[in-house]
Amino acid sequence: MVFNRQPGMVQVFAATTNGTFGSQTFGITTGTSNCGASMISQGTKNFVEANREALAKDMSRGQGETIGALTWMAGCTDSHSVGAALQQRYSTIIPSEKASSQEIADKLVETLKTDKSLGCQI
């Protein structure tokens, strides 16, 4: 953010600064780098696209690696609770095979946001 989109060698300095001081990681984690809901939704969409089949299987069982990863990404407190919630809402989140990754991601984020018992930080 400090160096914005300045062209040239300043970008090398920006990357070094981010890596050295951890400012990029801190900014993303704390939400101070403009990584709002749209960034979370985009990240979830990318996750769904890359893991769609495994995610669907894990959601149907209520557990698995993709549930654990999603729990971590969303800052939720317990993957078992997330798995149970996603299993219960499976047919709402994935209504058909034709549902787009964006539709699935939006419903996933909505579920994780609205179910306060999951303790998600999104």
PDB file of N, CA and C in Angstrom:
ATOM      1  N   MET A   1       0.825  -1.181   0.000  1.00  0.00           N
ATOM      2  CA  MET A   1       0.000   0.000   0.000  1.00  0.00           C
ATOM      3  C   MET A   1       0.875   1.254   0.000  1.00  0.00           C
ATOM      4  N   VAL A   2       1.988   1.223   0.693  1.00  0.00           N
ATOM      5  CA  VAL A   2       2.845   2.404   0.781  1.00  0.00           C
ATOM      6  C   VAL A   2       3.408   2.761  -0.582  1.00  0.00           C
ATOM      7  N   PHE A   3       3.836   1.735  -1.328  1.00  0.00           N
ATOM      8  CA  PHE A   3       4.472   1.988  -2.616  1.00  0.00           C
ATOM      9  C   PHE A   3       3.470   2.008  -3.764  1.00  0.00           C
ATOM     10  N   ASN A   4       2.238   1.632  -3.472  1.00  0.00           N
ATOM     11  CA  ASN A   4       1.150   1.637  -4.433  1.00  0.00           C
ATOM     12  C   ASN A   4       1.559   0.916  -5.702  1.00  0.00           C
ATOM     13  N   ARG A   5       1.317   1.508  -6.852  1.00  0.00           N
ATOM     14  CA  ARG A   5       1.614   0.851  -8.133  1.00  0.00           C
ATOM     15  C   ARG A   5       2.713   1.578  -8.895  1.00  0.00           C
ATOM     16  N   GLN A   6       3.694   2.044  -8.192  1.00  0.00           N
ATOM     17  CA  GLN A   6       4.797   2.745  -8.831  1.00  0.00           C
ATOM     18  C   GLN A   6       5.617   1.739  -9.636  1.00  0.00           C
ATOM     19  N   PRO A   7       5.918   2.056 -10.882  1.00  0.00           N
ATOM     20  CA  PRO A   7       6.675   1.119 -11.722  1.00  0.00           C
ATOM     21  C   PRO A   7       8.162   1.124 -11.369  1.00  0.00           C
ATOM     22  N   GLY A   8       8.840   0.101 -11.831  1.00  0.00           N
ATOM     23  CA  GLY A   8      10.290   0.068 -11.722  1.00  0.00           C
ATOM     24  C   GLY A   8      10.809  -0.648 -10.499  1.00  0.00           C
ATOM     25  N   MET A   9      12.040  -0.283 -10.126  1.00  0.00           N
ATOM     26  CA  MET A   9      12.759  -0.948  -9.053  1.00  0.00           C
ATOM     27  C   MET A   9      12.104  -0.767  -7.681  1.00  0.00           C
ATOM     28  N   VAL A  10      11.247   0.216  -7.540  1.00  0.00           N
ATOM     29  CA  VAL A  10      10.581   0.424  -6.257  1.00  0.00           C
ATOM     30  C   VAL A  10       9.760  -0.812  -5.873  1.00  0.00           C
ATOM     31  N   GLN A  11       9.308  -1.574  -6.856  1.00  0.00           N
ATOM     32  CA  GLN A  11       8.541  -2.785  -6.571  1.00  0.00           C
ATOM     33  C   GLN A  11       9.411  -3.863  -5.915  1.00  0.00           C
ATOM     34  N   VAL A  12      10.685  -3.913  -6.267  1.00  0.00           N
ATOM     35  CA  VAL A  12      11.605  -4.848  -5.615  1.00  0.00           C
ATOM     36  C   VAL A  12      11.727  -4.465  -4.141  1.00  0.00           C
ATOM     37  N   PHE A  13      11.863  -3.177  -3.884  1.00  0.00           N
ATOM     38  CA  PHE A  13      11.944  -2.694  -2.510  1.00  0.00           C
ATOM     39  C   PHE A  13      10.648  -3.002  -1.751  1.00  0.00           C
ATOM     40  N   ALA A  14       9.518  -2.832  -2.411  1.00  0.00           N
ATOM     41  CA  ALA A  14       8.227  -3.113  -1.774  1.00  0.00           C
ATOM     42  C   ALA A  14       8.122  -4.583  -1.386  1.00  0.00           C
ATOM     43  N   ALA A  15       8.513  -5.473  -2.286  1.00  0.00           N
ATOM     44  CA  ALA A  15       8.452  -6.911  -2.005  1.00  0.00           C
ATOM     45  C   ALA A  15       9.391  -7.276  -0.857  1.00  0.00           C
ATOM     46  N   THR A  16      10.591  -6.686  -0.860  1.00  0.00           N
ATOM     47  CA  THR A  16      11.551  -6.949   0.208  1.00  0.00           C
ATOM     48  C   THR A  16      11.020  -6.456   1.545  1.00  0.00           C
ATOM     49  N   THR A  17      10.424  -5.276   1.541  1.00  0.00           N
ATOM     50  CA  THR A  17       9.854  -4.709   2.769  1.00  0.00           C
ATOM     51  C   THR A  17       8.742  -5.603   3.300  1.00  0.00           C
ATOM     52  N   ASN A  18       7.866  -6.051   2.406  1.00  0.00           N
ATOM     53  CA  ASN A  18       6.775  -6.937   2.831  1.00  0.00           C
ATOM     54  C   ASN A  18       7.320  -8.212   3.463  1.00  0.00           C
ATOM     55  N   GLY A  19       8.332  -8.796   2.833  1.00  0.00           N
ATOM     56  CA  GLY A  19       8.892 -10.039   3.336  1.00  0.00           C
ATOM     57  C   GLY A  19       9.683  -9.868   4.615  1.00  0.00           C
ATOM     58  N   THR A  20      10.435  -8.796   4.706  1.00  0.00           N
ATOM     59  CA  THR A  20      11.296  -8.567   5.862  1.00  0.00           C
ATOM     60  C   THR A  20      10.515  -8.223   7.118  1.00  0.00           C
ATOM     61  N   PHE A  21       9.569  -7.337   6.985  1.00  0.00           N
ATOM     62  CA  PHE A  21       8.844  -6.853   8.158  1.00  0.00           C
ATOM     63  C   PHE A  21       7.531  -7.587   8.417  1.00  0.00           C
ATOM     64  N   GLY A  22       7.141  -8.467   7.518  1.00  0.00           N
ATOM     65  CA  GLY A  22       5.896  -9.202   7.703  1.00  0.00           C
ATOM     66  C   GLY A  22       4.661  -8.342   7.564  1.00  0.00           C
ATOM     67  N   SER A  23       4.803  -7.185   6.946  1.00  0.00           N
ATOM     68  CA  SER A  23       3.673  -6.255   6.852  1.00  0.00           C
ATOM     69  C   SER A  23       2.547  -6.803   5.990  1.00  0.00           C
ATOM     70  N   GLN A  24       2.889  -7.534   4.948  1.00  0.00           N
ATOM     71  CA  GLN A  24       1.847  -8.089   4.088  1.00  0.00           C
ATOM     72  C   GLN A  24       1.037  -9.138   4.847  1.00  0.00           C
ATOM     73  N   THR A  25       1.723 -10.048   5.515  1.00  0.00           N
ATOM     74  CA  THR A  25       1.032 -11.080   6.292  1.00  0.00           C
ATOM     75  C   THR A  25       0.189 -10.446   7.396  1.00  0.00           C
ATOM     76  N   PHE A  26       0.761  -9.485   8.099  1.00  0.00           N
ATOM     77  CA  PHE A  26       0.026  -8.807   9.155  1.00  0.00           C
ATOM     78  C   PHE A  26      -1.204  -8.104   8.596  1.00  0.00           C
ATOM     79  N   GLY A  27      -1.043  -7.416   7.483  1.00  0.00           N
ATOM     80  CA  GLY A  27      -2.146  -6.671   6.880  1.00  0.00           C
ATOM     81  C   GLY A  27      -3.282  -7.566   6.441  1.00  0.00           C
ATOM     82  N   ILE A  28      -2.955  -8.695   5.857  1.00  0.00           N
ATOM     83  CA  ILE A  28      -3.990  -9.623   5.416  1.00  0.00           C
ATOM     84  C   ILE A  28      -4.690 -10.244   6.616  1.00  0.00           C
ATOM     85  N   THR A  29      -3.913 -10.668   7.613  1.00  0.00           N
ATOM     86  CA  THR A  29      -4.483 -11.307   8.794  1.00  0.00           C
ATOM     87  C   THR A  29      -5.389 -10.375   9.582  1.00  0.00           C
ATOM     88  N   THR A  30      -4.972  -9.130   9.736  1.00  0.00           N
ATOM     89  CA  THR A  30      -5.744  -8.202  10.553  1.00  0.00           C
ATOM     90  C   THR A  30      -6.792  -7.434   9.771  1.00  0.00           C
ATOM     91  N   GLY A  31      -6.787  -7.571   8.448  1.00  0.00           N
ATOM     92  CA  GLY A  31      -7.777  -6.889   7.629  1.00  0.00           C
ATOM     93  C   GLY A  31      -7.445  -5.439   7.349  1.00  0.00           C
ATOM     94  N   THR A  32      -6.190  -5.037   7.554  1.00  0.00           N
ATOM     95  CA  THR A  32      -5.819  -3.645   7.321  1.00  0.00           C
ATOM     96  C   THR A  32      -5.253  -3.400   5.923  1.00  0.00           C
ATOM     97  N   SER A  33      -5.240  -4.405   5.069  1.00  0.00           N
ATOM     98  CA  SER A  33      -4.694  -4.215   3.722  1.00  0.00           C
ATOM     99  C   SER A  33      -5.787  -4.273   2.663  1.00  0.00           C
ATOM    100  N   ASN A  34      -6.974  -3.857   3.033  1.00  0.00           N
ATOM    101  CA  ASN A  34      -8.120  -3.840   2.119  1.00  0.00           C
ATOM    102  C   ASN A  34      -8.523  -5.226   1.639  1.00  0.00           C
ATOM    103  N   CYS A  35      -8.264  -6.237   2.428  1.00  0.00           N
ATOM    104  CA  CYS A  35      -8.691  -7.588   2.091  1.00  0.00           C
ATOM    105  C   CYS A  35     -10.035  -7.833   2.756  1.00  0.00           C
ATOM    106  N   GLY A  36     -11.068  -7.285   2.192  1.00  0.00           N
ATOM    107  CA  GLY A  36     -12.397  -7.383   2.767  1.00  0.00           C
ATOM    108  C   GLY A  36     -13.140  -8.610   2.297  1.00  0.00           C
ATOM    109  N   ALA A  37     -14.449  -8.520   2.368  1.00  0.00           N
ATOM    110  CA  ALA A  37     -15.320  -9.648   2.036  1.00  0.00           C
ATOM    111  C   ALA A  37     -15.126 -10.112   0.599  1.00  0.00           C
ATOM    112  N   SER A  38     -14.886  -9.187  -0.334  1.00  0.00           N
ATOM    113  CA  SER A  38     -14.719  -9.601  -1.720  1.00  0.00           C
ATOM    114  C   SER A  38     -13.463 -10.435  -1.899  1.00  0.00           C
ATOM    115  N   MET A  39     -12.391 -10.122  -1.155  1.00  0.00           N
ATOM    116  CA  MET A  39     -11.168 -10.923  -1.229  1.00  0.00           C
ATOM    117  C   MET A  39     -11.405 -12.307  -0.635  1.00  0.00           C
ATOM    118  N   ILE A  40     -12.144 -12.374   0.449  1.00  0.00           N
ATOM    119  CA  ILE A  40     -12.450 -13.662   1.056  1.00  0.00           C
ATOM    120  C   ILE A  40     -13.294 -14.488   0.099  1.00  0.00           C
ATOM    121  N   SER A  41     -14.282 -13.857  -0.514  1.00  0.00           N
ATOM    122  CA  SER A  41     -15.127 -14.553  -1.473  1.00  0.00           C
ATOM    123  C   SER A  41     -14.319 -15.054  -2.656  1.00  0.00           C
ATOM    124  N   GLN A  42     -13.403 -14.232  -3.158  1.00  0.00           N
ATOM    125  CA  GLN A  42     -12.559 -14.641  -4.290  1.00  0.00           C
ATOM    126  C   GLN A  42     -11.649 -15.793  -3.895  1.00  0.00           C
ATOM    127  N   GLY A  43     -11.075 -15.721  -2.706  1.00  0.00           N
ATOM    128  CA  GLY A  43     -10.227 -16.811  -2.227  1.00  0.00           C
ATOM    129  C   GLY A  43     -11.009 -18.099  -2.064  1.00  0.00           C
ATOM    130  N   THR A  44     -12.231 -17.987  -1.567  1.00  0.00           N
ATOM    131  CA  THR A  44     -13.085 -19.162  -1.406  1.00  0.00           C
ATOM    132  C   THR A  44     -13.455 -19.727  -2.772  1.00  0.00           C
ATOM    133  N   LYS A  45     -13.744 -18.838  -3.730  1.00  0.00           N
ATOM    134  CA  LYS A  45     -14.061 -19.285  -5.102  1.00  0.00           C
ATOM    135  C   LYS A  45     -12.877 -20.053  -5.681  1.00  0.00           C
ATOM    136  N   ASN A  46     -11.678 -19.526  -5.536  1.00  0.00           N
ATOM    137  CA  ASN A  46     -10.482 -20.208  -6.031  1.00  0.00           C
ATOM    138  C   ASN A  46     -10.308 -21.557  -5.348  1.00  0.00           C
ATOM    139  N   PHE A  47     -10.570 -21.598  -4.045  1.00  0.00           N
ATOM    140  CA  PHE A  47     -10.472 -22.847  -3.295  1.00  0.00           C
ATOM    141  C   PHE A  47     -11.481 -23.863  -3.816  1.00  0.00           C
ATOM    142  N   VAL A  48     -12.716 -23.416  -4.057  1.00  0.00           N
ATOM    143  CA  VAL A  48     -13.763 -24.308  -4.576  1.00  0.00           C
ATOM    144  C   VAL A  48     -13.361 -24.834  -5.941  1.00  0.00           C
ATOM    145  N   GLU A  49     -12.876 -23.949  -6.817  1.00  0.00           N
ATOM    146  CA  GLU A  49     -12.472 -24.377  -8.159  1.00  0.00           C
ATOM    147  C   GLU A  49     -11.370 -25.431  -8.116  1.00  0.00           C
ATOM    148  N   ALA A  50     -10.412 -25.235  -7.249  1.00  0.00           N
ATOM    149  CA  ALA A  50      -9.275 -26.148  -7.165  1.00  0.00           C
ATOM    150  C   ALA A  50      -9.603 -27.457  -6.460  1.00  0.00           C
ATOM    151  N   ASN A  51     -10.622 -27.444  -5.599  1.00  0.00           N
ATOM    152  CA  ASN A  51     -10.906 -28.611  -4.749  1.00  0.00           C
ATOM    153  C   ASN A  51     -12.358 -29.071  -4.811  1.00  0.00           C
ATOM    154  N   ARG A  52     -13.048 -28.744  -5.871  1.00  0.00           N
ATOM    155  CA  ARG A  52     -14.495 -28.949  -5.934  1.00  0.00           C
ATOM    156  C   ARG A  52     -14.935 -30.376  -5.615  1.00  0.00           C
ATOM    157  N   GLU A  53     -14.331 -31.341  -6.248  1.00  0.00           N
ATOM    158  CA  GLU A  53     -14.740 -32.732  -6.042  1.00  0.00           C
ATOM    159  C   GLU A  53     -14.443 -33.201  -4.614  1.00  0.00           C
ATOM    160  N   ALA A  54     -13.246 -32.924  -4.134  1.00  0.00           N
ATOM    161  CA  ALA A  54     -12.881 -33.325  -2.769  1.00  0.00           C
ATOM    162  C   ALA A  54     -13.729 -32.586  -1.741  1.00  0.00           C
ATOM    163  N   LEU A  55     -13.987 -31.298  -1.991  1.00  0.00           N
ATOM    164  CA  LEU A  55     -14.812 -30.509  -1.075  1.00  0.00           C
ATOM    165  C   LEU A  55     -16.220 -31.082  -0.989  1.00  0.00           C
ATOM    166  N   ALA A  56     -16.805 -31.420  -2.125  1.00  0.00           N
ATOM    167  CA  ALA A  56     -18.157 -32.001  -2.145  1.00  0.00           C
ATOM    168  C   ALA A  56     -18.191 -33.305  -1.349  1.00  0.00           C
ATOM    169  N   LYS A  57     -17.185 -34.154  -1.537  1.00  0.00           N
ATOM    170  CA  LYS A  57     -17.123 -35.420  -0.792  1.00  0.00           C
ATOM    171  C   LYS A  57     -16.981 -35.174   0.710  1.00  0.00           C
ATOM    172  N   ASP A  58     -16.075 -34.264   1.063  1.00  0.00           N
ATOM    173  CA  ASP A  58     -15.861 -33.973   2.482  1.00  0.00           C
ATOM    174  C   ASP A  58     -17.098 -33.345   3.118  1.00  0.00           C
ATOM    175  N   MET A  59     -17.766 -32.459   2.383  1.00  0.00           N
ATOM    176  CA  MET A  59     -18.989 -31.848   2.909  1.00  0.00           C
ATOM    177  C   MET A  59     -20.067 -32.903   3.126  1.00  0.00           C
ATOM    178  N   SER A  60     -20.174 -33.857   2.219  1.00  0.00           N
ATOM    179  CA  SER A  60     -21.203 -34.895   2.367  1.00  0.00           C
ATOM    180  C   SER A  60     -20.926 -35.783   3.583  1.00  0.00           C
ATOM    181  N   ARG A  61     -19.642 -35.935   3.941  1.00  0.00           N
ATOM    182  CA  ARG A  61     -19.259 -36.727   5.113  1.00  0.00           C
ATOM    183  C   ARG A  61     -19.177 -35.895   6.381  1.00  0.00           C
ATOM    184  N   GLY A  62     -19.036 -34.565   6.219  1.00  0.00           N
ATOM    185  CA  GLY A  62     -18.918 -33.675   7.371  1.00  0.00           C
ATOM    186  C   GLY A  62     -17.524 -33.604   7.955  1.00  0.00           C
ATOM    187  N   GLN A  63     -16.528 -34.070   7.211  1.00  0.00           N
ATOM    188  CA  GLN A  63     -15.149 -34.046   7.689  1.00  0.00           C
ATOM    189  C   GLN A  63     -14.197 -34.260   6.529  1.00  0.00           C
ATOM    190  N   GLY A  64     -12.936 -33.933   6.752  1.00  0.00           N
ATOM    191  CA  GLY A  64     -11.926 -34.151   5.726  1.00  0.00           C
ATOM    192  C   GLY A  64     -10.963 -32.982   5.623  1.00  0.00           C
ATOM    193  N   GLU A  65      -9.951 -33.164   4.787  1.00  0.00           N
ATOM    194  CA  GLU A  65      -8.894 -32.162   4.640  1.00  0.00           C
ATOM    195  C   GLU A  65      -9.419 -30.829   4.129  1.00  0.00           C
ATOM    196  N   THR A  66     -10.337 -30.855   3.172  1.00  0.00           N
ATOM    197  CA  THR A  66     -10.830 -29.585   2.636  1.00  0.00           C
ATOM    198  C   THR A  66     -11.652 -28.825   3.679  1.00  0.00           C
ATOM    199  N   ILE A  67     -12.333 -29.544   4.542  1.00  0.00           N
ATOM    200  CA  ILE A  67     -13.079 -28.893   5.627  1.00  0.00           C
ATOM    201  C   ILE A  67     -12.082 -28.236   6.589  1.00  0.00           C
ATOM    202  N   GLY A  68     -11.002 -28.951   6.889  1.00  0.00           N
ATOM    203  CA  GLY A  68      -9.962 -28.392   7.755  1.00  0.00           C
ATOM    204  C   GLY A  68      -9.339 -27.139   7.159  1.00  0.00           C
ATOM    205  N   ALA A  69      -9.058 -27.175   5.857  1.00  0.00           N
ATOM    206  CA  ALA A  69      -8.470 -26.017   5.185  1.00  0.00           C
ATOM    207  C   ALA A  69      -9.441 -24.844   5.176  1.00  0.00           C
ATOM    208  N   LEU A  70     -10.697 -25.117   4.890  1.00  0.00           N
ATOM    209  CA  LEU A  70     -11.718 -24.070   4.871  1.00  0.00           C
ATOM    210  C   LEU A  70     -11.899 -23.467   6.267  1.00  0.00           C
ATOM    211  N   THR A  71     -11.857 -24.305   7.283  1.00  0.00           N
ATOM    212  CA  THR A  71     -11.959 -23.842   8.670  1.00  0.00           C
ATOM    213  C   THR A  71     -10.829 -22.876   8.984  1.00  0.00           C
ATOM    214  N   TRP A  72      -9.623 -23.243   8.584  1.00  0.00           N
ATOM    215  CA  TRP A  72      -8.454 -22.402   8.814  1.00  0.00           C
ATOM    216  C   TRP A  72      -8.564 -21.088   8.029  1.00  0.00           C
ATOM    217  N   MET A  73      -8.938 -21.180   6.746  1.00  0.00           N
ATOM    218  CA  MET A  73      -9.048 -19.981   5.898  1.00  0.00           C
ATOM    219  C   MET A  73     -10.044 -18.973   6.469  1.00  0.00           C
ATOM    220  N   ALA A  74     -11.134 -19.475   7.027  1.00  0.00           N
ATOM    221  CA  ALA A  74     -12.193 -18.601   7.531  1.00  0.00           C
ATOM    222  C   ALA A  74     -11.974 -18.199   8.992  1.00  0.00           C
ATOM    223  N   GLY A  75     -10.920 -18.720   9.609  1.00  0.00           N
ATOM    224  CA  GLY A  75     -10.637 -18.377  11.000  1.00  0.00           C
ATOM    225  C   GLY A  75     -11.682 -18.911  11.964  1.00  0.00           C
ATOM    226  N   CYS A  76     -12.240 -20.077  11.645  1.00  0.00           N
ATOM    227  CA  CYS A  76     -13.260 -20.686  12.506  1.00  0.00           C
ATOM    228  C   CYS A  76     -12.585 -21.409  13.667  1.00  0.00           C
ATOM    229  N   THR A  77     -13.347 -21.667  14.721  1.00  0.00           N
ATOM    230  CA  THR A  77     -12.773 -22.243  15.928  1.00  0.00           C
ATOM    231  C   THR A  77     -12.640 -23.759  15.900  1.00  0.00           C
ATOM    232  N   ASP A  78     -13.514 -24.475  15.167  1.00  0.00           N
ATOM    233  CA  ASP A  78     -13.528 -25.934  15.265  1.00  0.00           C
ATOM    234  C   ASP A  78     -13.949 -26.559  13.942  1.00  0.00           C
ATOM    235  N   SER A  79     -13.074 -27.360  13.352  1.00  0.00           N
ATOM    236  CA  SER A  79     -13.392 -27.973  12.060  1.00  0.00           C
ATOM    237  C   SER A  79     -14.512 -29.013  12.166  1.00  0.00           C
ATOM    238  N   HIS A  80     -14.677 -29.625  13.323  1.00  0.00           N
ATOM    239  CA  HIS A  80     -15.776 -30.597  13.485  1.00  0.00           C
ATOM    240  C   HIS A  80     -17.129 -29.887  13.380  1.00  0.00           C
ATOM    241  N   SER A  81     -17.232 -28.728  14.007  1.00  0.00           N
ATOM    242  CA  SER A  81     -18.476 -27.954  13.935  1.00  0.00           C
ATOM    243  C   SER A  81     -18.724 -27.444  12.529  1.00  0.00           C
ATOM    244  N   VAL A  82     -17.665 -26.973  11.868  1.00  0.00           N
ATOM    245  CA  VAL A  82     -17.793 -26.501  10.482  1.00  0.00           C
ATOM    246  C   VAL A  82     -18.239 -27.649   9.588  1.00  0.00           C
ATOM    247  N   GLY A  83     -17.611 -28.801   9.760  1.00  0.00           N
ATOM    248  CA  GLY A  83     -17.983 -29.975   8.966  1.00  0.00           C
ATOM    249  C   GLY A  83     -19.437 -30.357   9.154  1.00  0.00           C
ATOM    250  N   ALA A  84     -19.903 -30.352  10.388  1.00  0.00           N
ATOM    251  CA  ALA A  84     -21.305 -30.691  10.671  1.00  0.00           C
ATOM    252  C   ALA A  84     -22.253 -29.676  10.037  1.00  0.00           C
ATOM    253  N   ALA A  85     -21.889 -28.392  10.122  1.00  0.00           N
ATOM    254  CA  ALA A  85     -22.744 -27.339   9.548  1.00  0.00           C
ATOM    255  C   ALA A  85     -22.798 -27.454   8.029  1.00  0.00           C
ATOM    256  N   LEU A  86     -21.655 -27.711   7.401  1.00  0.00           N
ATOM    257  CA  LEU A  86     -21.628 -27.832   5.945  1.00  0.00           C
ATOM    258  C   LEU A  86     -22.337 -29.099   5.476  1.00  0.00           C
ATOM    259  N   GLN A  87     -22.218 -30.169   6.255  1.00  0.00           N
ATOM    260  CA  GLN A  87     -22.926 -31.403   5.924  1.00  0.00           C
ATOM    261  C   GLN A  87     -24.437 -31.175   5.994  1.00  0.00           C
ATOM    262  N   GLN A  88     -24.873 -30.490   7.021  1.00  0.00           N
ATOM    263  CA  GLN A  88     -26.301 -30.217   7.199  1.00  0.00           C
ATOM    264  C   GLN A  88     -26.847 -29.343   6.065  1.00  0.00           C
ATOM    265  N   ARG A  89     -26.038 -28.424   5.554  1.00  0.00           N
ATOM    266  CA  ARG A  89     -26.484 -27.482   4.515  1.00  0.00           C
ATOM    267  C   ARG A  89     -25.990 -27.861   3.118  1.00  0.00           C
ATOM    268  N   TYR A  90     -25.536 -29.081   2.962  1.00  0.00           N
ATOM    269  CA  TYR A  90     -24.935 -29.527   1.699  1.00  0.00           C
ATOM    270  C   TYR A  90     -25.810 -29.200   0.486  1.00  0.00           C
ATOM    271  N   SER A  91     -27.072 -29.576   0.534  1.00  0.00           N
ATOM    272  CA  SER A  91     -27.941 -29.384  -0.634  1.00  0.00           C
ATOM    273  C   SER A  91     -28.253 -27.918  -0.910  1.00  0.00           C
ATOM    274  N   THR A  92     -28.095 -27.066   0.080  1.00  0.00           N
ATOM    275  CA  THR A  92     -28.271 -25.630  -0.130  1.00  0.00           C
ATOM    276  C   THR A  92     -27.010 -25.029  -0.734  1.00  0.00           C
ATOM    277  N   ILE A  93     -25.849 -25.466  -0.257  1.00  0.00           N
ATOM    278  CA  ILE A  93     -24.577 -24.929  -0.733  1.00  0.00           C
ATOM    279  C   ILE A  93     -24.265 -25.429  -2.135  1.00  0.00           C
ATOM    280  N   ILE A  94     -24.501 -26.705  -2.383  1.00  0.00           N
ATOM    281  CA  ILE A  94     -24.285 -27.288  -3.709  1.00  0.00           C
ATOM    282  C   ILE A  94     -25.628 -27.841  -4.192  1.00  0.00           C
ATOM    283  N   PRO A  95     -26.485 -26.972  -4.759  1.00  0.00           N
ATOM    284  CA  PRO A  95     -27.818 -27.416  -5.157  1.00  0.00           C
ATOM    285  C   PRO A  95     -27.834 -28.358  -6.359  1.00  0.00           C
ATOM    286  N   SER A  96     -26.809 -28.267  -7.205  1.00  0.00           N
ATOM    287  CA  SER A  96     -26.729 -29.158  -8.375  1.00  0.00           C
ATOM    288  C   SER A  96     -25.298 -29.181  -8.878  1.00  0.00           C
ATOM    289  N   GLU A  97     -25.038 -30.117  -9.786  1.00  0.00           N
ATOM    290  CA  GLU A  97     -23.706 -30.207 -10.389  1.00  0.00           C
ATOM    291  C   GLU A  97     -23.411 -28.979 -11.254  1.00  0.00           C
ATOM    292  N   LYS A  98     -24.447 -28.296 -11.692  1.00  0.00           N
ATOM    293  CA  LYS A  98     -24.284 -27.138 -12.563  1.00  0.00           C
ATOM    294  C   LYS A  98     -24.025 -25.841 -11.804  1.00  0.00           C
ATOM    295  N   ALA A  99     -24.068 -25.894 -10.486  1.00  0.00           N
ATOM    296  CA  ALA A  99     -23.812 -24.691  -9.688  1.00  0.00           C
ATOM    297  C   ALA A  99     -22.382 -24.217  -9.953  1.00  0.00           C
ATOM    298  N   SER A 100     -22.228 -22.914 -10.144  1.00  0.00           N
ATOM    299  CA  SER A 100     -20.904 -22.367 -10.426  1.00  0.00           C
ATOM    300  C   SER A 100     -20.064 -22.318  -9.148  1.00  0.00           C
ATOM    301  N   SER A 101     -18.776 -22.241  -9.339  1.00  0.00           N
ATOM    302  CA  SER A 101     -17.871 -22.126  -8.191  1.00  0.00           C
ATOM    303  C   SER A 101     -18.172 -20.868  -7.392  1.00  0.00           C
ATOM    304  N   GLN A 102     -18.548 -19.787  -8.073  1.00  0.00           N
ATOM    305  CA  GLN A 102     -18.868 -18.541  -7.381  1.00  0.00           C
ATOM    306  C   GLN A 102     -20.123 -18.704  -6.523  1.00  0.00           C
ATOM    307  N   GLU A 103     -21.152 -19.399  -7.056  1.00  0.00           N
ATOM    308  CA  GLU A 103     -22.372 -19.638  -6.284  1.00  0.00           C
ATOM    309  C   GLU A 103     -22.071 -20.464  -5.034  1.00  0.00           C
ATOM    310  N   ILE A 104     -21.278 -21.504  -5.205  1.00  0.00           N
ATOM    311  CA  ILE A 104     -20.916 -22.365  -4.080  1.00  0.00           C
ATOM    312  C   ILE A 104     -20.104 -21.577  -3.056  1.00  0.00           C
ATOM    313  N   ALA A 105     -19.132 -20.807  -3.536  1.00  0.00           N
ATOM    314  CA  ALA A 105     -18.299 -20.003  -2.639  1.00  0.00           C
ATOM    315  C   ALA A 105     -19.146 -19.002  -1.861  1.00  0.00           C
ATOM    316  N   ASP A 106     -20.076 -18.344  -2.545  1.00  0.00           N
ATOM    317  CA  ASP A 106     -20.940 -17.370  -1.872  1.00  0.00           C
ATOM    318  C   ASP A 106     -21.766 -18.025  -0.777  1.00  0.00           C
ATOM    319  N   LYS A 107     -22.294 -19.209  -1.054  1.00  0.00           N
ATOM    320  CA  LYS A 107     -23.109 -19.913  -0.054  1.00  0.00           C
ATOM    321  C   LYS A 107     -22.258 -20.440   1.099  1.00  0.00           C
ATOM    322  N   LEU A 108     -21.024 -20.844   0.791  1.00  0.00           N
ATOM    323  CA  LEU A 108     -20.106 -21.261   1.848  1.00  0.00           C
ATOM    324  C   LEU A 108     -19.800 -20.098   2.784  1.00  0.00           C
ATOM    325  N   VAL A 109     -19.427 -18.964   2.198  1.00  0.00           N
ATOM    326  CA  VAL A 109     -19.105 -17.780   3.005  1.00  0.00           C
ATOM    327  C   VAL A 109     -20.318 -17.346   3.818  1.00  0.00           C
ATOM    328  N   GLU A 110     -21.490 -17.356   3.194  1.00  0.00           N
ATOM    329  CA  GLU A 110     -22.715 -16.968   3.906  1.00  0.00           C
ATOM    330  C   GLU A 110     -22.965 -17.888   5.100  1.00  0.00           C
ATOM    331  N   THR A 111     -22.784 -19.183   4.898  1.00  0.00           N
ATOM    332  CA  THR A 111     -22.980 -20.150   5.976  1.00  0.00           C
ATOM    333  C   THR A 111     -21.998 -19.903   7.115  1.00  0.00           C
ATOM    334  N   LEU A 112     -20.732 -19.711   6.777  1.00  0.00           N
ATOM    335  CA  LEU A 112     -19.713 -19.508   7.800  1.00  0.00           C
ATOM    336  C   LEU A 112     -19.893 -18.179   8.534  1.00  0.00           C
ATOM    337  N   LYS A 113     -20.405 -17.171   7.836  1.00  0.00           N
ATOM    338  CA  LYS A 113     -20.634 -15.864   8.458  1.00  0.00           C
ATOM    339  C   LYS A 113     -21.854 -15.862   9.373  1.00  0.00           C
ATOM    340  N   THR A 114     -22.930 -16.472   8.917  1.00  0.00           N
ATOM    341  CA  THR A 114     -24.195 -16.361   9.646  1.00  0.00           C
ATOM    342  C   THR A 114     -24.326 -17.319  10.816  1.00  0.00           C
ATOM    343  N   ASP A 115     -23.641 -18.446  10.770  1.00  0.00           N
ATOM    344  CA  ASP A 115     -23.715 -19.398  11.884  1.00  0.00           C
ATOM    345  C   ASP A 115     -22.692 -18.985  12.946  1.00  0.00           C
ATOM    346  N   LYS A 116     -23.132 -18.188  13.882  1.00  0.00           N
ATOM    347  CA  LYS A 116     -22.253 -17.619  14.911  1.00  0.00           C
ATOM    348  C   LYS A 116     -21.628 -18.693  15.813  1.00  0.00           C
ATOM    349  N   SER A 117     -22.248 -19.865  15.889  1.00  0.00           N
ATOM    350  CA  SER A 117     -21.707 -20.918  16.742  1.00  0.00           C
ATOM    351  C   SER A 117     -20.378 -21.463  16.200  1.00  0.00           C
ATOM    352  N   LEU A 118     -20.080 -21.185  14.937  1.00  0.00           N
ATOM    353  CA  LEU A 118     -18.826 -21.672  14.319  1.00  0.00           C
ATOM    354  C   LEU A 118     -17.643 -20.780  14.684  1.00  0.00           C
ATOM    355  N   GLY A 119     -17.909 -19.573  15.134  1.00  0.00           N
ATOM    356  CA  GLY A 119     -16.846 -18.661  15.556  1.00  0.00           C
ATOM    357  C   GLY A 119     -15.906 -18.239  14.444  1.00  0.00           C
ATOM    358  N   CYS A 120     -16.406 -18.152  13.223  1.00  0.00           N
ATOM    359  CA  CYS A 120     -15.555 -17.777  12.091  1.00  0.00           C
ATOM    360  C   CYS A 120     -15.277 -16.277  12.107  1.00  0.00           C
ATOM    361  N   GLN A 121     -14.120 -15.909  11.597  1.00  0.00           N
ATOM    362  CA  GLN A 121     -13.667 -14.522  11.612  1.00  0.00           C
ATOM    363  C   GLN A 121     -13.867 -13.828  10.268  1.00  0.00           C
ATOM    364  N   ILE A 122     -14.794 -14.280   9.485  1.00  0.00           N
ATOM    365  CA  ILE A 122     -15.018 -13.634   8.180  1.00  0.00           C
ATOM    366  C   ILE A 122     -16.266 -12.788   8.204  1.00  0.00           C
TER     367      ILE A 122
END
